[in-house]
């Protein structure tokens, strides 16, 4: 995960000012916290959407697997029938 580089306007030393006061430092941290919380919320929403899509995909695959199992059972029943018929014909 890469870290976001905050805009340089929040870096007081780059702007040529002296040491910031406590209020400015607190506001800077609040802005960063709100921004990071927004990013986390956005990622969480994306993950929930992805999870929903995965569950949908798994359901589709499960239905396909059930159909394949049913077809296999039918095929095996037909094979047994044919094998029985061929054994009778050989006798």
N, C-alpha and C. Protein backbone atom coordinates (compact mmCIF):
# COMPACT_ATOMS: atom_id res chain seq x y z
N UNK A 1 0.85 -1.18 0.00
CA UNK A 1 0.00 0.00 0.00
C UNK A 1 0.89 1.23 0.00
N UNK A 2 0.65 2.15 -0.90
CA UNK A 2 1.46 3.35 -0.96
C UNK A 2 0.84 4.43 -0.07
N UNK A 3 1.69 5.28 0.44
CA UNK A 3 1.21 6.34 1.31
C UNK A 3 0.99 7.60 0.49
N UNK A 4 -0.07 8.32 0.84
CA UNK A 4 -0.41 9.54 0.13
C UNK A 4 0.49 10.67 0.61
N UNK A 5 1.06 11.42 -0.31
CA UNK A 5 1.88 12.58 0.06
C UNK A 5 0.94 13.78 0.14
N UNK A 6 0.84 14.34 1.31
CA UNK A 6 -0.06 15.46 1.50
C UNK A 6 0.47 16.70 0.79
N UNK A 7 -0.44 17.57 0.38
CA UNK A 7 -0.01 18.79 -0.33
C UNK A 7 0.97 19.62 0.48
N UNK A 8 1.89 20.25 -0.22
CA UNK A 8 2.95 20.99 0.47
C UNK A 8 2.42 22.23 1.19
N UNK A 9 1.21 22.69 0.87
CA UNK A 9 0.68 23.87 1.57
C UNK A 9 0.45 23.57 3.04
N UNK A 10 0.38 22.28 3.42
CA UNK A 10 0.20 21.94 4.82
C UNK A 10 1.52 21.89 5.56
N UNK A 11 2.61 21.93 4.85
CA UNK A 11 3.93 21.91 5.49
C UNK A 11 4.34 23.36 5.73
N UNK A 12 4.34 23.77 6.99
CA UNK A 12 4.56 25.17 7.33
C UNK A 12 5.99 25.61 7.02
N UNK A 13 6.96 24.72 7.16
CA UNK A 13 8.34 25.11 6.93
C UNK A 13 8.58 25.41 5.46
N UNK A 14 7.92 24.66 4.55
CA UNK A 14 8.10 24.92 3.12
C UNK A 14 7.52 26.27 2.73
N UNK A 15 6.55 26.75 3.50
CA UNK A 15 5.92 28.03 3.17
C UNK A 15 6.70 29.22 3.73
N UNK A 16 7.78 28.95 4.45
CA UNK A 16 8.61 30.04 4.94
C UNK A 16 8.14 30.67 6.23
N UNK A 17 7.27 30.02 6.95
CA UNK A 17 6.80 30.58 8.22
C UNK A 17 7.63 30.03 9.36
N UNK A 18 7.42 30.60 10.51
CA UNK A 18 8.08 30.10 11.71
C UNK A 18 7.34 28.89 12.23
N UNK A 19 7.64 28.52 13.45
CA UNK A 19 6.98 27.34 14.01
C UNK A 19 5.47 27.58 14.14
N UNK A 20 4.67 26.60 13.81
CA UNK A 20 3.22 26.78 13.84
C UNK A 20 2.70 26.77 15.28
N UNK A 21 1.55 27.42 15.47
CA UNK A 21 0.95 27.39 16.79
C UNK A 21 0.18 26.09 16.98
N UNK A 22 -0.23 25.84 18.21
CA UNK A 22 -0.89 24.56 18.53
C UNK A 22 -2.20 24.41 17.76
N UNK A 23 -2.93 25.49 17.58
CA UNK A 23 -4.20 25.40 16.86
C UNK A 23 -3.97 24.95 15.43
N UNK A 24 -2.95 25.51 14.78
CA UNK A 24 -2.66 25.15 13.39
C UNK A 24 -2.24 23.68 13.29
N UNK A 25 -1.45 23.22 14.23
CA UNK A 25 -1.02 21.82 14.21
C UNK A 25 -2.22 20.91 14.39
N UNK A 26 -3.11 21.29 15.32
CA UNK A 26 -4.31 20.49 15.56
C UNK A 26 -5.20 20.45 14.32
N UNK A 27 -5.37 21.60 13.67
CA UNK A 27 -6.19 21.66 12.46
C UNK A 27 -5.56 20.82 11.34
N UNK A 28 -4.25 20.90 11.23
CA UNK A 28 -3.55 20.12 10.21
C UNK A 28 -3.80 18.62 10.43
N UNK A 29 -3.71 18.20 11.68
CA UNK A 29 -3.92 16.78 11.98
C UNK A 29 -5.38 16.38 11.76
N UNK A 30 -6.30 17.28 12.09
CA UNK A 30 -7.71 16.99 11.86
C UNK A 30 -8.00 16.83 10.38
N UNK A 31 -7.42 17.72 9.58
CA UNK A 31 -7.61 17.64 8.12
C UNK A 31 -7.07 16.31 7.60
N UNK A 32 -5.88 15.94 8.05
CA UNK A 32 -5.29 14.66 7.62
C UNK A 32 -6.16 13.49 8.06
N UNK A 33 -6.63 13.53 9.30
CA UNK A 33 -7.46 12.44 9.82
C UNK A 33 -8.76 12.30 9.04
N UNK A 34 -9.40 13.42 8.73
CA UNK A 34 -10.65 13.39 7.96
C UNK A 34 -10.37 12.85 6.56
N UNK A 35 -9.28 13.28 5.96
CA UNK A 35 -8.92 12.83 4.62
C UNK A 35 -8.66 11.32 4.62
N UNK A 36 -7.87 10.85 5.58
CA UNK A 36 -7.54 9.42 5.67
C UNK A 36 -8.81 8.62 5.97
N UNK A 37 -9.67 9.13 6.84
CA UNK A 37 -10.93 8.43 7.14
C UNK A 37 -11.79 8.32 5.89
N UNK A 38 -11.78 9.36 5.08
CA UNK A 38 -12.52 9.32 3.81
C UNK A 38 -11.97 8.26 2.88
N UNK A 39 -10.63 8.18 2.80
CA UNK A 39 -10.01 7.15 1.96
C UNK A 39 -10.36 5.75 2.45
N UNK A 40 -10.31 5.57 3.77
CA UNK A 40 -10.63 4.26 4.35
C UNK A 40 -12.10 3.91 4.06
N UNK A 41 -12.99 4.88 4.22
CA UNK A 41 -14.40 4.64 3.93
C UNK A 41 -14.63 4.26 2.48
N UNK A 42 -13.93 4.94 1.59
CA UNK A 42 -14.06 4.64 0.16
C UNK A 42 -13.56 3.23 -0.14
N UNK A 43 -12.41 2.86 0.44
CA UNK A 43 -11.86 1.51 0.24
C UNK A 43 -12.81 0.45 0.80
N UNK A 44 -13.39 0.73 1.96
CA UNK A 44 -14.31 -0.21 2.59
C UNK A 44 -15.53 -0.43 1.69
N UNK A 45 -16.04 0.65 1.12
CA UNK A 45 -17.19 0.54 0.22
C UNK A 45 -16.82 -0.29 -1.02
N UNK A 46 -15.61 -0.07 -1.57
CA UNK A 46 -15.16 -0.85 -2.72
C UNK A 46 -15.04 -2.32 -2.36
N UNK A 47 -14.52 -2.61 -1.17
CA UNK A 47 -14.38 -4.00 -0.74
C UNK A 47 -15.73 -4.68 -0.54
N UNK A 48 -16.71 -3.94 -0.01
CA UNK A 48 -18.04 -4.50 0.16
C UNK A 48 -18.67 -4.80 -1.19
N UNK A 49 -18.47 -3.92 -2.16
CA UNK A 49 -18.98 -4.16 -3.51
C UNK A 49 -18.31 -5.39 -4.12
N UNK A 50 -17.00 -5.48 -3.94
CA UNK A 50 -16.26 -6.63 -4.47
C UNK A 50 -16.73 -7.93 -3.80
N UNK A 51 -16.95 -7.88 -2.50
CA UNK A 51 -17.43 -9.06 -1.78
C UNK A 51 -18.80 -9.49 -2.32
N UNK A 52 -19.67 -8.53 -2.55
CA UNK A 52 -20.99 -8.83 -3.09
C UNK A 52 -20.88 -9.49 -4.46
N UNK A 53 -20.01 -8.94 -5.31
CA UNK A 53 -19.81 -9.52 -6.64
C UNK A 53 -19.25 -10.93 -6.55
N UNK A 54 -18.33 -11.15 -5.62
CA UNK A 54 -17.73 -12.48 -5.45
C UNK A 54 -18.79 -13.49 -5.01
N UNK A 55 -19.66 -13.07 -4.08
CA UNK A 55 -20.72 -13.98 -3.63
C UNK A 55 -21.66 -14.31 -4.78
N UNK A 56 -21.98 -13.32 -5.61
CA UNK A 56 -22.83 -13.56 -6.77
C UNK A 56 -22.16 -14.54 -7.72
N UNK A 57 -20.87 -14.34 -7.96
CA UNK A 57 -20.12 -15.22 -8.86
C UNK A 57 -20.06 -16.64 -8.29
N UNK A 58 -19.86 -16.76 -6.98
CA UNK A 58 -19.83 -18.08 -6.33
C UNK A 58 -21.18 -18.77 -6.48
N UNK A 59 -22.27 -18.02 -6.31
CA UNK A 59 -23.61 -18.61 -6.48
C UNK A 59 -23.79 -19.14 -7.89
N UNK A 60 -23.36 -18.37 -8.89
CA UNK A 60 -23.46 -18.80 -10.29
C UNK A 60 -22.64 -20.07 -10.51
N UNK A 61 -21.42 -20.08 -9.99
CA UNK A 61 -20.58 -21.27 -10.14
C UNK A 61 -21.19 -22.48 -9.45
N UNK A 62 -21.81 -22.27 -8.29
CA UNK A 62 -22.45 -23.37 -7.57
C UNK A 62 -23.59 -23.96 -8.40
N UNK A 63 -24.40 -23.09 -9.02
CA UNK A 63 -25.49 -23.57 -9.87
C UNK A 63 -24.93 -24.36 -11.06
N UNK A 64 -23.87 -23.83 -11.68
CA UNK A 64 -23.24 -24.55 -12.80
C UNK A 64 -22.71 -25.90 -12.35
N UNK A 65 -22.11 -25.94 -11.18
CA UNK A 65 -21.58 -27.20 -10.66
C UNK A 65 -22.71 -28.21 -10.43
N UNK A 66 -23.84 -27.74 -9.91
CA UNK A 66 -24.99 -28.63 -9.71
C UNK A 66 -25.47 -29.20 -11.03
N UNK A 67 -25.51 -28.36 -12.07
CA UNK A 67 -25.93 -28.83 -13.39
C UNK A 67 -24.94 -29.87 -13.93
N UNK A 68 -23.65 -29.62 -13.76
CA UNK A 68 -22.63 -30.55 -14.22
C UNK A 68 -22.75 -31.88 -13.48
N UNK A 69 -22.97 -31.83 -12.19
CA UNK A 69 -23.14 -33.06 -11.41
C UNK A 69 -24.35 -33.85 -11.91
N UNK A 70 -25.45 -33.15 -12.17
CA UNK A 70 -26.65 -33.81 -12.67
C UNK A 70 -26.39 -34.45 -14.03
N UNK A 71 -25.71 -33.73 -14.93
CA UNK A 71 -25.38 -34.27 -16.24
C UNK A 71 -24.47 -35.48 -16.12
N UNK A 72 -23.54 -35.45 -15.18
CA UNK A 72 -22.63 -36.58 -14.97
C UNK A 72 -23.41 -37.80 -14.50
N UNK A 73 -24.36 -37.61 -13.58
CA UNK A 73 -25.18 -38.72 -13.11
C UNK A 73 -25.98 -39.33 -14.26
N UNK A 74 -26.56 -38.46 -15.10
CA UNK A 74 -27.31 -38.96 -16.25
C UNK A 74 -26.40 -39.71 -17.21
N UNK A 75 -25.23 -39.19 -17.45
CA UNK A 75 -24.27 -39.83 -18.35
C UNK A 75 -23.86 -41.20 -17.80
N UNK A 76 -23.58 -41.26 -16.50
CA UNK A 76 -23.18 -42.53 -15.90
C UNK A 76 -24.32 -43.55 -15.97
N UNK A 77 -25.55 -43.10 -15.78
CA UNK A 77 -26.70 -44.00 -15.88
C UNK A 77 -26.82 -44.54 -17.31
N UNK A 78 -26.64 -43.66 -18.30
CA UNK A 78 -26.68 -44.09 -19.70
C UNK A 78 -25.55 -45.07 -20.01
N UNK A 79 -24.37 -44.82 -19.45
CA UNK A 79 -23.23 -45.71 -19.67
C UNK A 79 -23.51 -47.10 -19.10
N UNK A 80 -24.10 -47.15 -17.91
CA UNK A 80 -24.44 -48.44 -17.30
C UNK A 80 -25.44 -49.18 -18.18
N UNK A 81 -26.42 -48.43 -18.68
CA UNK A 81 -27.43 -49.01 -19.56
C UNK A 81 -26.78 -49.59 -20.82
N UNK A 82 -25.90 -48.82 -21.44
CA UNK A 82 -25.22 -49.27 -22.65
C UNK A 82 -24.31 -50.47 -22.36
N UNK A 83 -23.61 -50.43 -21.26
CA UNK A 83 -22.74 -51.56 -20.89
C UNK A 83 -23.56 -52.83 -20.70
N UNK A 84 -24.70 -52.72 -20.04
CA UNK A 84 -25.58 -53.86 -19.85
C UNK A 84 -26.08 -54.39 -21.19
N UNK A 85 -26.45 -53.48 -22.08
CA UNK A 85 -26.94 -53.87 -23.40
C UNK A 85 -25.84 -54.57 -24.20
N UNK A 86 -24.61 -54.02 -24.14
CA UNK A 86 -23.50 -54.62 -24.87
C UNK A 86 -23.14 -56.01 -24.33
N UNK A 87 -23.22 -56.19 -23.04
CA UNK A 87 -22.94 -57.49 -22.44
C UNK A 87 -23.96 -58.53 -22.90
N UNK A 88 -25.24 -58.10 -22.99
CA UNK A 88 -26.28 -59.00 -23.46
C UNK A 88 -26.04 -59.37 -24.93
N UNK A 89 -25.63 -58.41 -25.73
CA UNK A 89 -25.40 -58.66 -27.16
C UNK A 89 -24.21 -59.58 -27.38
N UNK A 90 -23.21 -59.49 -26.55
CA UNK A 90 -22.01 -60.33 -26.69
C UNK A 90 -22.31 -61.80 -26.37
N UNK A 91 -23.26 -62.01 -25.49
CA UNK A 91 -23.59 -63.39 -25.09
C UNK A 91 -24.28 -64.06 -26.19
